[in-house]
Amino acid sequence: MCPVKDCSVGRNWFLVSLVGLVMLLTLTGCQTNDPSKFSDLTRMTAPPASPDLLLREGDTVRISFPGSANLDTVQQIRRDGKISLPLVGEFKAAGLSVSGLQKELVKLYAPQLVTKEVNVSLESSAFFVFVTGAVARPGRMTYDRPITALEAVIDAGVDYAKANLKQVTVIRRENGREERHQLNLKQELQGQGGDAFYLKPSDIIFVKERFTWF
């Protein structure tokens, strides 16, 4: 037999716990059995849609024509930013968004189409740069995202014993002109300031070899 006061406290605690458990099970059952509430929650927590990114050299697009399947094509955007299309020839796609290219093709093909509809989708996105000089794996590097000069040099297997990271040159050709950018990647590697230098497709990165006395 327990003292009256202790038994009363024990019963009260048991009743409170039991009521809490019943309420929890009831609420859980309500949430699980109502799919609309679950879907609403899913929509609220879903990440926002990514912006319509601009197409660039190396991207591959799939172009389809509902009702005119003979015109369907898959094209990779060349270094000059153009693709080759049936009936109309070359067209500059680089710099347009997927939806923008779609709208331009609807206008371009309007005289040949019965159904004024063109569907464009991004099949793959390739980002090519070239690394040469004092690295273990010189040549073309392929990425599916924008890359910095420092990241590309590290990926190419930079030889820290031979490479002069204070004098790295990025050669860029745009609009028929050649640009040369001199970078101090050693400073960036050591976290001593300087903004990361983001590469563009077809950039050439030359890692100069360190001068040594024999």
N, C-alpha and C. Protein backbone atom coordinates (compact mmCIF):
# COMPACT_ATOMS: atom_id res chain seq x y z
N MET A 1 0.85 -1.19 0.00
CA MET A 1 0.00 0.00 0.00
C MET A 1 0.89 1.24 0.00
N CYS A 2 0.53 2.22 -0.83
CA CYS A 2 1.30 3.46 -0.86
C CYS A 2 0.55 4.53 -0.12
N PRO A 3 1.25 5.53 0.38
CA PRO A 3 0.56 6.65 1.03
C PRO A 3 -0.45 7.27 0.08
N VAL A 4 -1.56 7.79 0.65
CA VAL A 4 -2.64 8.35 -0.18
C VAL A 4 -2.14 9.46 -1.09
N LYS A 5 -1.28 10.34 -0.55
CA LYS A 5 -0.78 11.48 -1.34
C LYS A 5 0.03 11.00 -2.53
N ASP A 6 0.93 9.97 -2.31
CA ASP A 6 1.78 9.48 -3.40
C ASP A 6 0.96 8.79 -4.46
N CYS A 7 -0.05 8.00 -4.05
CA CYS A 7 -0.90 7.31 -5.03
C CYS A 7 -1.66 8.31 -5.89
N SER A 8 -2.14 9.38 -5.24
CA SER A 8 -2.89 10.41 -5.98
C SER A 8 -2.01 11.07 -7.03
N VAL A 9 -0.77 11.39 -6.65
CA VAL A 9 0.16 12.01 -7.60
C VAL A 9 0.47 11.07 -8.74
N GLY A 10 0.64 9.78 -8.42
CA GLY A 10 0.94 8.80 -9.45
C GLY A 10 -0.20 8.66 -10.44
N ARG A 11 -1.46 8.60 -9.91
CA ARG A 11 -2.61 8.48 -10.80
C ARG A 11 -2.75 9.71 -11.70
N ASN A 12 -2.53 10.88 -11.12
CA ASN A 12 -2.64 12.12 -11.91
C ASN A 12 -1.61 12.14 -13.04
N TRP A 13 -0.40 11.73 -12.71
CA TRP A 13 0.67 11.72 -13.75
C TRP A 13 0.32 10.74 -14.84
N PHE A 14 -0.23 9.56 -14.47
CA PHE A 14 -0.61 8.55 -15.45
C PHE A 14 -1.72 9.06 -16.38
N LEU A 15 -2.73 9.73 -15.78
CA LEU A 15 -3.84 10.25 -16.57
C LEU A 15 -3.38 11.32 -17.55
N VAL A 16 -2.50 12.22 -17.06
CA VAL A 16 -1.98 13.28 -17.93
C VAL A 16 -1.20 12.68 -19.09
N SER A 17 -0.37 11.67 -18.80
CA SER A 17 0.42 11.04 -19.86
C SER A 17 -0.47 10.34 -20.86
N LEU A 18 -1.54 9.66 -20.36
CA LEU A 18 -2.44 8.94 -21.24
C LEU A 18 -3.19 9.89 -22.17
N VAL A 19 -3.67 11.01 -21.60
CA VAL A 19 -4.38 12.01 -22.41
C VAL A 19 -3.45 12.59 -23.48
N GLY A 20 -2.21 12.88 -23.10
CA GLY A 20 -1.25 13.41 -24.06
C GLY A 20 -0.97 12.44 -25.19
N LEU A 21 -0.84 11.14 -24.85
CA LEU A 21 -0.59 10.12 -25.86
C LEU A 21 -1.75 10.02 -26.84
N VAL A 22 -2.99 10.04 -26.33
CA VAL A 22 -4.18 9.96 -27.18
C VAL A 22 -4.24 11.15 -28.13
N MET A 23 -3.95 12.36 -27.62
CA MET A 23 -3.98 13.55 -28.46
C MET A 23 -2.92 13.48 -29.56
N LEU A 24 -1.73 12.96 -29.18
CA LEU A 24 -0.65 12.85 -30.17
C LEU A 24 -1.02 11.90 -31.29
N LEU A 25 -1.60 10.73 -30.91
CA LEU A 25 -2.01 9.75 -31.92
C LEU A 25 -3.12 10.31 -32.81
N THR A 26 -4.03 11.07 -32.22
CA THR A 26 -5.13 11.66 -32.99
C THR A 26 -4.61 12.66 -34.02
N LEU A 27 -3.68 13.53 -33.57
CA LEU A 27 -3.12 14.53 -34.48
C LEU A 27 -2.32 13.88 -35.59
N THR A 28 -1.54 12.84 -35.23
CA THR A 28 -0.74 12.14 -36.23
C THR A 28 -1.62 11.48 -37.27
N GLY A 29 -2.70 10.85 -36.80
CA GLY A 29 -3.63 10.21 -37.73
C GLY A 29 -4.27 11.20 -38.66
N CYS A 30 -4.60 12.37 -38.15
CA CYS A 30 -5.24 13.40 -38.99
C CYS A 30 -4.29 13.86 -40.08
N GLN A 31 -3.00 14.07 -39.73
CA GLN A 31 -2.05 14.56 -40.71
C GLN A 31 -1.76 13.50 -41.76
N THR A 32 -1.70 12.23 -41.32
CA THR A 32 -1.36 11.17 -42.26
C THR A 32 -2.51 10.86 -43.21
N ASN A 33 -3.73 10.95 -42.72
CA ASN A 33 -4.89 10.57 -43.53
C ASN A 33 -5.38 11.67 -44.44
N ASP A 34 -4.81 12.85 -44.34
CA ASP A 34 -5.25 13.97 -45.17
C ASP A 34 -4.16 14.31 -46.17
N PRO A 35 -4.17 13.72 -47.35
CA PRO A 35 -3.09 13.94 -48.31
C PRO A 35 -2.99 15.37 -48.79
N SER A 36 -4.12 16.10 -48.75
CA SER A 36 -4.07 17.48 -49.23
C SER A 36 -3.18 18.33 -48.35
N LYS A 37 -3.24 18.07 -47.01
CA LYS A 37 -2.39 18.83 -46.11
C LYS A 37 -0.93 18.52 -46.37
N PHE A 38 -0.62 17.23 -46.64
CA PHE A 38 0.74 16.83 -46.90
C PHE A 38 1.26 17.49 -48.18
N SER A 39 0.42 17.51 -49.22
CA SER A 39 0.84 18.12 -50.48
C SER A 39 1.04 19.61 -50.33
N ASP A 40 0.18 20.26 -49.51
CA ASP A 40 0.36 21.69 -49.26
C ASP A 40 1.70 21.95 -48.60
N LEU A 41 2.06 21.09 -47.64
CA LEU A 41 3.33 21.25 -46.94
C LEU A 41 4.49 21.06 -47.91
N THR A 42 4.35 20.07 -48.81
CA THR A 42 5.39 19.82 -49.79
C THR A 42 5.58 21.03 -50.69
N ARG A 43 4.47 21.65 -51.10
CA ARG A 43 4.60 22.82 -51.97
C ARG A 43 5.24 23.98 -51.24
N MET A 44 4.97 24.10 -49.97
CA MET A 44 5.53 25.22 -49.22
C MET A 44 7.03 25.07 -49.03
N THR A 45 7.51 23.83 -48.85
CA THR A 45 8.92 23.62 -48.55
C THR A 45 9.75 23.34 -49.79
N ALA A 46 9.13 23.20 -50.95
CA ALA A 46 9.89 22.92 -52.17
C ALA A 46 10.76 24.10 -52.52
N PRO A 47 12.00 23.84 -53.02
CA PRO A 47 12.89 24.95 -53.39
C PRO A 47 12.35 25.72 -54.57
N PRO A 48 12.64 27.01 -54.66
CA PRO A 48 12.16 27.79 -55.79
C PRO A 48 12.79 27.32 -57.09
N ALA A 49 12.07 27.54 -58.19
CA ALA A 49 12.59 27.13 -59.50
C ALA A 49 13.82 27.93 -59.84
N SER A 50 14.80 27.27 -60.50
CA SER A 50 16.02 27.96 -60.89
C SER A 50 15.72 28.91 -62.04
N PRO A 51 16.46 30.01 -62.14
CA PRO A 51 16.21 30.97 -63.21
C PRO A 51 16.55 30.35 -64.56
N ASP A 52 15.99 30.92 -65.63
CA ASP A 52 16.24 30.44 -66.98
C ASP A 52 17.63 30.92 -67.40
N LEU A 53 18.62 30.04 -67.25
CA LEU A 53 20.00 30.41 -67.52
C LEU A 53 20.24 30.60 -69.01
N LEU A 54 21.26 31.38 -69.34
CA LEU A 54 21.59 31.65 -70.73
C LEU A 54 22.39 30.49 -71.31
N LEU A 55 22.10 30.17 -72.55
CA LEU A 55 22.84 29.12 -73.25
C LEU A 55 24.22 29.64 -73.62
N ARG A 56 25.18 28.71 -73.69
CA ARG A 56 26.54 29.09 -74.03
C ARG A 56 27.18 28.03 -74.90
N GLU A 57 28.39 28.34 -75.39
CA GLU A 57 29.12 27.41 -76.24
C GLU A 57 29.32 26.08 -75.51
N GLY A 58 29.09 24.98 -76.23
CA GLY A 58 29.25 23.66 -75.64
C GLY A 58 27.96 23.05 -75.15
N ASP A 59 26.92 23.86 -74.92
CA ASP A 59 25.62 23.32 -74.52
C ASP A 59 24.99 22.56 -75.68
N THR A 60 24.25 21.50 -75.33
CA THR A 60 23.53 20.72 -76.34
C THR A 60 22.03 20.90 -76.12
N VAL A 61 21.32 21.29 -77.17
CA VAL A 61 19.88 21.52 -77.07
C VAL A 61 19.13 20.55 -77.96
N ARG A 62 17.97 20.12 -77.49
CA ARG A 62 17.07 19.28 -78.28
C ARG A 62 15.91 20.15 -78.76
N ILE A 63 15.70 20.17 -80.06
CA ILE A 63 14.66 20.99 -80.68
C ILE A 63 13.66 20.07 -81.37
N SER A 64 12.40 20.16 -80.98
CA SER A 64 11.38 19.31 -81.59
C SER A 64 10.23 20.17 -82.10
N PHE A 65 9.62 19.68 -83.18
CA PHE A 65 8.53 20.39 -83.84
C PHE A 65 7.30 19.50 -83.85
N PRO A 66 6.34 19.73 -82.96
CA PRO A 66 5.11 18.93 -82.98
C PRO A 66 4.40 19.04 -84.34
N GLY A 67 4.13 17.88 -84.93
CA GLY A 67 3.49 17.88 -86.24
C GLY A 67 4.45 17.90 -87.40
N SER A 68 5.75 18.17 -87.11
CA SER A 68 6.77 18.17 -88.18
C SER A 68 8.03 17.49 -87.65
N ALA A 69 7.89 16.21 -87.35
CA ALA A 69 8.98 15.46 -86.72
C ALA A 69 10.23 15.40 -87.59
N ASN A 70 10.08 15.58 -88.89
CA ASN A 70 11.24 15.53 -89.79
C ASN A 70 12.21 16.68 -89.53
N LEU A 71 11.76 17.71 -88.81
CA LEU A 71 12.63 18.85 -88.49
C LEU A 71 13.32 18.70 -87.14
N ASP A 72 12.92 17.70 -86.37
CA ASP A 72 13.51 17.51 -85.04
C ASP A 72 15.03 17.36 -85.14
N THR A 73 15.74 17.96 -84.20
CA THR A 73 17.20 17.90 -84.24
C THR A 73 17.78 18.08 -82.84
N VAL A 74 19.00 17.56 -82.66
CA VAL A 74 19.78 17.78 -81.45
C VAL A 74 21.07 18.48 -81.87
N GLN A 75 21.33 19.64 -81.30
CA GLN A 75 22.45 20.44 -81.74
C GLN A 75 23.32 20.87 -80.56
N GLN A 76 24.64 20.83 -80.79
CA GLN A 76 25.57 21.39 -79.80
C GLN A 76 25.99 22.77 -80.27
N ILE A 77 25.94 23.72 -79.38
CA ILE A 77 26.30 25.09 -79.73
C ILE A 77 27.81 25.16 -79.95
N ARG A 78 28.21 25.63 -81.12
CA ARG A 78 29.63 25.67 -81.49
C ARG A 78 30.35 26.82 -80.79
N ARG A 79 31.65 26.88 -81.01
CA ARG A 79 32.45 27.93 -80.37
C ARG A 79 32.06 29.32 -80.86
N ASP A 80 31.51 29.39 -82.07
CA ASP A 80 31.06 30.70 -82.57
C ASP A 80 29.66 31.04 -82.07
N GLY A 81 29.09 30.17 -81.20
CA GLY A 81 27.78 30.43 -80.61
C GLY A 81 26.60 30.03 -81.46
N LYS A 82 26.86 29.38 -82.60
CA LYS A 82 25.78 29.07 -83.54
C LYS A 82 25.44 27.58 -83.55
N ILE A 83 24.24 27.29 -84.05
CA ILE A 83 23.79 25.93 -84.33
C ILE A 83 23.32 25.88 -85.77
N SER A 84 23.28 24.68 -86.35
CA SER A 84 22.85 24.52 -87.74
C SER A 84 21.47 23.88 -87.75
N LEU A 85 20.49 24.56 -88.35
CA LEU A 85 19.10 24.14 -88.30
C LEU A 85 18.59 23.74 -89.68
N PRO A 86 17.71 22.74 -89.73
CA PRO A 86 17.11 22.34 -91.01
C PRO A 86 16.33 23.50 -91.63
N LEU A 87 16.42 23.64 -92.92
CA LEU A 87 15.69 24.61 -93.74
C LEU A 87 16.19 26.04 -93.59
N VAL A 88 16.60 26.45 -92.39
CA VAL A 88 16.95 27.87 -92.20
C VAL A 88 18.45 28.10 -92.07
N GLY A 89 19.23 27.05 -91.88
CA GLY A 89 20.67 27.22 -91.80
C GLY A 89 21.17 27.58 -90.41
N GLU A 90 22.21 28.41 -90.35
CA GLU A 90 22.85 28.72 -89.07
C GLU A 90 22.07 29.78 -88.30
N PHE A 91 22.11 29.60 -86.98
CA PHE A 91 21.40 30.53 -86.11
C PHE A 91 22.19 30.66 -84.82
N LYS A 92 22.36 31.89 -84.34
CA LYS A 92 23.13 32.10 -83.11
C LYS A 92 22.25 31.85 -81.88
N ALA A 93 22.61 30.80 -81.12
CA ALA A 93 21.83 30.42 -79.94
C ALA A 93 22.47 30.87 -78.64
N ALA A 94 23.79 31.02 -78.63
CA ALA A 94 24.48 31.43 -77.40
C ALA A 94 24.02 32.82 -76.98
N GLY A 95 23.78 32.97 -75.69
CA GLY A 95 23.32 34.24 -75.16
C GLY A 95 21.82 34.31 -74.98
N LEU A 96 21.10 33.34 -75.56
CA LEU A 96 19.65 33.27 -75.37
C LEU A 96 19.32 32.26 -74.26
N SER A 97 18.20 32.47 -73.60
CA SER A 97 17.71 31.47 -72.66
C SER A 97 17.00 30.38 -73.46
N VAL A 98 16.69 29.27 -72.81
CA VAL A 98 15.97 28.19 -73.49
C VAL A 98 14.62 28.70 -74.01
N SER A 99 13.90 29.41 -73.14
CA SER A 99 12.60 29.95 -73.58
C SER A 99 12.77 31.01 -74.66
N GLY A 100 13.85 31.79 -74.57
CA GLY A 100 14.11 32.80 -75.59
C GLY A 100 14.41 32.18 -76.94
N LEU A 101 15.20 31.10 -76.94
CA LEU A 101 15.50 30.40 -78.19
C LEU A 101 14.22 29.80 -78.77
N GLN A 102 13.38 29.29 -77.91
CA GLN A 102 12.12 28.70 -78.35
C GLN A 102 11.25 29.74 -79.06
N LYS A 103 11.15 30.93 -78.49
CA LYS A 103 10.35 31.99 -79.10
C LYS A 103 10.93 32.43 -80.45
N GLU A 104 12.28 32.53 -80.51
CA GLU A 104 12.92 32.95 -81.76
C GLU A 104 12.69 31.93 -82.87
N LEU A 105 12.73 30.63 -82.49
CA LEU A 105 12.54 29.58 -83.51
C LEU A 105 11.10 29.54 -84.00
N VAL A 106 10.15 29.84 -83.13
CA VAL A 106 8.75 29.90 -83.56
C VAL A 106 8.59 30.97 -84.64
N LYS A 107 9.22 32.13 -84.43
CA LYS A 107 9.14 33.20 -85.43
C LYS A 107 9.90 32.83 -86.70
N LEU A 108 11.05 32.19 -86.52
CA LEU A 108 11.89 31.85 -87.66
C LEU A 108 11.24 30.81 -88.56
N TYR A 109 10.58 29.84 -87.95
CA TYR A 109 9.97 28.74 -88.72
C TYR A 109 8.49 28.97 -89.05
N ALA A 110 7.94 30.07 -88.66
CA ALA A 110 6.51 30.32 -88.83
C ALA A 110 6.01 30.04 -90.26
N PRO A 111 6.72 30.47 -91.32
CA PRO A 111 6.21 30.22 -92.68
C PRO A 111 6.16 28.74 -93.05
N GLN A 112 7.01 27.90 -92.41
CA GLN A 112 7.07 26.48 -92.77
C GLN A 112 6.20 25.59 -91.90
N LEU A 113 5.64 26.13 -90.80
CA LEU A 113 4.94 25.29 -89.84
C LEU A 113 3.43 25.44 -89.95
N VAL A 114 2.76 24.31 -89.88
CA VAL A 114 1.30 24.32 -89.77
C VAL A 114 0.91 24.58 -88.33
N THR A 115 1.59 23.88 -87.42
CA THR A 115 1.40 24.09 -85.99
C THR A 115 2.50 25.01 -85.49
N LYS A 116 2.13 26.22 -85.11
CA LYS A 116 3.13 27.21 -84.70
C LYS A 116 3.63 26.91 -83.29
N GLU A 117 4.41 25.84 -83.21
CA GLU A 117 4.92 25.42 -81.90
C GLU A 117 6.29 24.77 -82.08
N VAL A 118 7.23 25.18 -81.23
CA VAL A 118 8.57 24.59 -81.19
C VAL A 118 8.94 24.37 -79.73
N ASN A 119 9.46 23.18 -79.44
CA ASN A 119 9.88 22.86 -78.08
C ASN A 119 11.40 22.75 -78.02
N VAL A 120 11.98 23.46 -77.06
CA VAL A 120 13.44 23.43 -76.88
C VAL A 120 13.75 22.99 -75.45
N SER A 121 14.68 22.07 -75.32
CA SER A 121 15.12 21.65 -73.98
C SER A 121 16.63 21.54 -73.96
N LEU A 122 17.21 21.78 -72.80
CA LEU A 122 18.66 21.68 -72.63
C LEU A 122 19.03 20.22 -72.36
N GLU A 123 19.70 19.61 -73.33
CA GLU A 123 20.07 18.20 -73.23
C GLU A 123 21.25 18.00 -72.29
N SER A 124 22.27 18.82 -72.44
CA SER A 124 23.45 18.75 -71.58
C SER A 124 24.17 20.08 -71.64
N SER A 125 24.95 20.34 -70.59
CA SER A 125 25.68 21.60 -70.52
C SER A 125 27.15 21.28 -70.28
N ALA A 126 27.98 21.64 -71.23
CA ALA A 126 29.41 21.37 -71.11
C ALA A 126 30.19 22.68 -71.08
N PHE A 127 31.16 22.74 -70.20
CA PHE A 127 31.96 23.94 -70.01
C PHE A 127 33.42 23.55 -70.24
N PHE A 128 33.97 23.95 -71.39
CA PHE A 128 35.33 23.54 -71.74
C PHE A 128 36.32 24.67 -71.47
N VAL A 129 37.44 24.33 -70.84
CA VAL A 129 38.58 25.24 -70.72
C VAL A 129 39.84 24.42 -70.98
N PHE A 130 40.94 25.10 -71.24
CA PHE A 130 42.19 24.43 -71.56
C PHE A 130 43.26 24.90 -70.59
N VAL A 131 43.99 23.95 -70.01
CA VAL A 131 45.04 24.27 -69.05
C VAL A 131 46.36 23.73 -69.58
N THR A 132 47.38 24.55 -69.59
CA THR A 132 48.69 24.13 -70.07
C THR A 132 49.77 24.75 -69.20
N GLY A 133 51.02 24.30 -69.42
CA GLY A 133 52.13 24.81 -68.62
C GLY A 133 52.56 23.81 -67.56
N ALA A 134 52.89 24.30 -66.38
CA ALA A 134 53.44 23.48 -65.30
C ALA A 134 52.33 22.76 -64.54
N VAL A 135 51.64 21.85 -65.24
CA VAL A 135 50.60 21.03 -64.63
C VAL A 135 50.81 19.58 -65.07
N ALA A 136 50.28 18.65 -64.27
CA ALA A 136 50.50 17.22 -64.56
C ALA A 136 49.62 16.72 -65.70
N ARG A 137 48.44 17.33 -65.86
CA ARG A 137 47.49 16.85 -66.88
C ARG A 137 47.04 18.01 -67.77
N PRO A 138 47.93 18.48 -68.64
CA PRO A 138 47.54 19.58 -69.54
C PRO A 138 46.51 19.11 -70.55
N GLY A 139 45.72 20.04 -71.02
CA GLY A 139 44.72 19.71 -72.04
C GLY A 139 43.37 20.30 -71.71
N ARG A 140 42.34 19.75 -72.34
CA ARG A 140 40.99 20.27 -72.18
C ARG A 140 40.35 19.72 -70.92
N MET A 141 39.73 20.61 -70.15
CA MET A 141 39.01 20.23 -68.94
C MET A 141 37.52 20.51 -69.19
N THR A 142 36.69 19.57 -68.78
CA THR A 142 35.24 19.68 -69.01
C THR A 142 34.51 19.81 -67.70
N TYR A 143 33.61 20.77 -67.60
CA TYR A 143 32.83 20.99 -66.39
C TYR A 143 31.36 21.18 -66.77
N ASP A 144 30.49 21.01 -65.79
CA ASP A 144 29.06 21.26 -66.02
C ASP A 144 28.59 22.47 -65.23
N ARG A 145 29.53 23.32 -64.85
CA ARG A 145 29.21 24.51 -64.06
C ARG A 145 30.33 25.52 -64.26
N PRO A 146 30.08 26.80 -63.94
CA PRO A 146 31.16 27.80 -63.99
C PRO A 146 32.28 27.42 -63.04
N ILE A 147 33.51 27.66 -63.44
CA ILE A 147 34.69 27.25 -62.68
C ILE A 147 35.65 28.42 -62.57
N THR A 148 36.42 28.48 -61.48
CA THR A 148 37.42 29.53 -61.32
C THR A 148 38.74 29.06 -61.89
N ALA A 149 39.63 30.00 -62.17
CA ALA A 149 40.95 29.66 -62.69
C ALA A 149 41.72 28.81 -61.69
N LEU A 150 41.61 29.14 -60.41
CA LEU A 150 42.32 28.37 -59.38
C LEU A 150 41.83 26.93 -59.34
N GLU A 151 40.52 26.73 -59.42
CA GLU A 151 39.96 25.38 -59.40
C GLU A 151 40.43 24.57 -60.61
N ALA A 152 40.47 25.19 -61.78
CA ALA A 152 40.89 24.49 -62.99
C ALA A 152 42.36 24.09 -62.91
N VAL A 153 43.18 24.99 -62.38
CA VAL A 153 44.61 24.69 -62.26
C VAL A 153 44.84 23.55 -61.27
N ILE A 154 44.12 23.55 -60.17
CA ILE A 154 44.25 22.47 -59.18
C ILE A 154 43.78 21.14 -59.79
N ASP A 155 42.65 21.18 -60.51
CA ASP A 155 42.15 19.96 -61.15
C ASP A 155 43.13 19.40 -62.17
N ALA A 156 43.90 20.26 -62.81
CA ALA A 156 44.86 19.82 -63.82
C ALA A 156 46.12 19.26 -63.19
N GLY A 157 46.21 19.26 -61.86
CA GLY A 157 47.37 18.69 -61.18
C GLY A 157 48.55 19.64 -61.18
N VAL A 158 48.37 20.80 -60.59
CA VAL A 158 49.44 21.79 -60.57
C VAL A 158 50.66 21.25 -59.82
N ASP A 159 51.82 21.50 -60.39
CA ASP A 159 53.09 21.10 -59.77
C ASP A 159 53.59 22.26 -58.93
N TYR A 160 53.35 22.18 -57.63
CA TYR A 160 53.69 23.31 -56.76
C TYR A 160 55.19 23.58 -56.72
N ALA A 161 56.00 22.55 -57.00
CA ALA A 161 57.46 22.72 -56.97
C ALA A 161 57.95 23.49 -58.19
N LYS A 162 57.23 23.38 -59.31
CA LYS A 162 57.67 24.02 -60.55
C LYS A 162 56.81 25.21 -60.96
N ALA A 163 55.55 25.20 -60.57
CA ALA A 163 54.62 26.22 -61.07
C ALA A 163 54.84 27.56 -60.39
N ASN A 164 54.80 28.61 -61.19
CA ASN A 164 54.85 29.97 -60.66
C ASN A 164 53.42 30.48 -60.60
N LEU A 165 52.76 30.24 -59.48
CA LEU A 165 51.35 30.60 -59.35
C LEU A 165 51.14 32.11 -59.23
N LYS A 166 52.24 32.86 -59.09
CA LYS A 166 52.11 34.31 -59.06
C LYS A 166 51.89 34.89 -60.45
N GLN A 167 52.22 34.10 -61.47
CA GLN A 167 52.10 34.59 -62.84
C GLN A 167 51.36 33.55 -63.68
N VAL A 168 50.06 33.57 -63.57
CA VAL A 168 49.20 32.68 -64.37
C VAL A 168 48.44 33.55 -65.37
N THR A 169 48.44 33.12 -66.62
CA THR A 169 47.81 33.91 -67.69
C THR A 169 46.56 33.20 -68.19
N VAL A 170 45.48 33.96 -68.29
CA VAL A 170 44.25 33.45 -68.89
C VAL A 170 44.08 34.17 -70.24
N ILE A 171 44.01 33.37 -71.30
CA ILE A 171 43.83 33.91 -72.65
C ILE A 171 42.38 33.69 -73.05
N ARG A 172 41.72 34.76 -73.40
CA ARG A 172 40.29 34.70 -73.72
C ARG A 172 40.03 35.38 -75.06
N ARG A 173 39.27 34.69 -75.90
CA ARG A 173 38.91 35.26 -77.21
C ARG A 173 37.42 35.55 -77.23
N GLU A 174 37.09 36.82 -77.40
CA GLU A 174 35.69 37.24 -77.44
C GLU A 174 35.50 38.28 -78.52
N ASN A 175 34.43 38.09 -79.31
CA ASN A 175 34.08 39.05 -80.36
C ASN A 175 35.26 39.36 -81.28
N GLY A 176 36.01 38.31 -81.62
CA GLY A 176 37.12 38.48 -82.54
C GLY A 176 38.35 39.13 -81.93
N ARG A 177 38.35 39.35 -80.63
CA ARG A 177 39.49 39.98 -79.95
C ARG A 177 40.07 39.02 -78.92
N GLU A 178 41.36 39.19 -78.67
CA GLU A 178 42.04 38.37 -77.67
C GLU A 178 42.35 39.21 -76.43
N GLU A 179 41.97 38.67 -75.28
CA GLU A 179 42.26 39.33 -74.01
C GLU A 179 43.20 38.46 -73.20
N ARG A 180 44.11 39.10 -72.47
CA ARG A 180 45.03 38.37 -71.59
C ARG A 180 44.88 38.92 -70.17
N HIS A 181 44.63 38.02 -69.24
CA HIS A 181 44.46 38.39 -67.84
C HIS A 181 45.58 37.76 -67.02
N GLN A 182 46.31 38.59 -66.29
CA GLN A 182 47.40 38.10 -65.44
C GLN A 182 46.88 37.91 -64.01
N LEU A 183 47.04 36.71 -63.49
CA LEU A 183 46.48 36.37 -62.18
C LEU A 183 47.59 35.95 -61.21
N ASN A 184 47.40 36.30 -59.94
CA ASN A 184 48.27 35.82 -58.86
C ASN A 184 47.47 34.79 -58.06
N LEU A 185 47.54 33.55 -58.50
CA LEU A 185 46.76 32.50 -57.84
C LEU A 185 47.37 32.08 -56.50
N LYS A 186 48.65 32.36 -56.32
CA LYS A 186 49.26 32.03 -55.03
C LYS A 186 48.64 32.85 -53.92
N GLN A 187 48.40 34.11 -54.21
CA GLN A 187 47.77 35.00 -53.23
C GLN A 187 46.36 34.52 -52.91
N GLU A 188 45.62 34.11 -53.95
CA GLU A 188 44.27 33.62 -53.73
C GLU A 188 44.29 32.29 -52.98
N LEU A 189 45.25 31.42 -53.31
CA LEU A 189 45.36 30.12 -52.66
C LEU A 189 45.65 30.26 -51.17
N GLN A 190 46.39 31.28 -50.83
CA GLN A 190 46.74 31.52 -49.42
C GLN A 190 45.70 32.36 -48.69
N GLY A 191 44.62 32.69 -49.38
CA GLY A 191 43.56 33.46 -48.75
C GLY A 191 43.96 34.88 -48.40
N GLN A 192 44.80 35.48 -49.22
CA GLN A 192 45.29 36.83 -48.94
C GLN A 192 44.57 37.90 -49.76
N GLY A 193 43.33 37.61 -50.09
CA GLY A 193 42.54 38.62 -50.81
C GLY A 193 42.49 38.35 -52.29
N GLY A 194 41.76 39.20 -52.97
CA GLY A 194 41.59 39.03 -54.41
C GLY A 194 40.33 38.25 -54.72
N ASP A 195 39.57 38.73 -55.68
CA ASP A 195 38.34 38.05 -56.08
C ASP A 195 38.65 36.83 -56.94
N ALA A 196 37.84 35.81 -56.80
CA ALA A 196 37.99 34.62 -57.64
C ALA A 196 37.74 34.99 -59.10
N PHE A 197 38.59 34.49 -59.99
CA PHE A 197 38.47 34.79 -61.41
C PHE A 197 37.71 33.64 -62.07
N TYR A 198 36.48 33.92 -62.51
CA TYR A 198 35.66 32.88 -63.14
C TYR A 198 35.97 32.80 -64.63
N LEU A 199 36.14 31.58 -65.09
CA LEU A 199 36.48 31.34 -66.49
C LEU A 199 35.25 31.36 -67.37
N LYS A 200 35.49 31.55 -68.66
CA LYS A 200 34.45 31.44 -69.68
C LYS A 200 34.80 30.28 -70.61
N PRO A 201 33.80 29.71 -71.30
CA PRO A 201 34.09 28.60 -72.19
C PRO A 201 35.21 28.91 -73.17
N SER A 202 36.10 27.93 -73.35
CA SER A 202 37.23 28.00 -74.28
C SER A 202 38.38 28.87 -73.79
N ASP A 203 38.35 29.33 -72.55
CA ASP A 203 39.49 30.04 -71.99
C ASP A 203 40.71 29.12 -71.95
N ILE A 204 41.89 29.71 -72.14
CA ILE A 204 43.15 28.97 -72.06
C ILE A 204 43.91 29.49 -70.85
N ILE A 205 44.28 28.60 -69.93
CA ILE A 205 45.00 28.98 -68.72
C ILE A 205 46.43 28.48 -68.85
N PHE A 206 47.39 29.40 -68.83
CA PHE A 206 48.81 29.04 -68.93
C PHE A 206 49.48 29.26 -67.58
N VAL A 207 50.00 28.15 -67.01
CA VAL A 207 50.70 28.22 -65.73
C VAL A 207 52.20 28.28 -66.02
N LYS A 208 52.78 29.40 -65.75
CA LYS A 208 54.19 29.60 -66.05
C LYS A 208 55.05 28.77 -65.10
N GLU A 209 56.15 28.26 -65.65
CA GLU A 209 57.08 27.48 -64.82
C GLU A 209 58.00 28.42 -64.06
N ARG A 210 58.27 28.05 -62.82
CA ARG A 210 59.12 28.87 -61.97
C ARG A 210 60.55 28.83 -62.48
N PHE A 211 61.21 29.98 -62.50
CA PHE A 211 62.61 30.06 -62.94
C PHE A 211 63.52 29.54 -61.84
N THR A 212 64.43 28.64 -62.20
CA THR A 212 65.35 28.08 -61.19
C THR A 212 66.79 28.21 -61.71
N TRP A 213 67.72 28.38 -60.78
CA TRP A 213 69.15 28.44 -61.10
C TRP A 213 69.73 27.05 -61.07
N PHE A 214 70.52 26.73 -62.03
CA PHE A 214 71.15 25.39 -62.08
C PHE A 214 72.56 25.46 -61.51
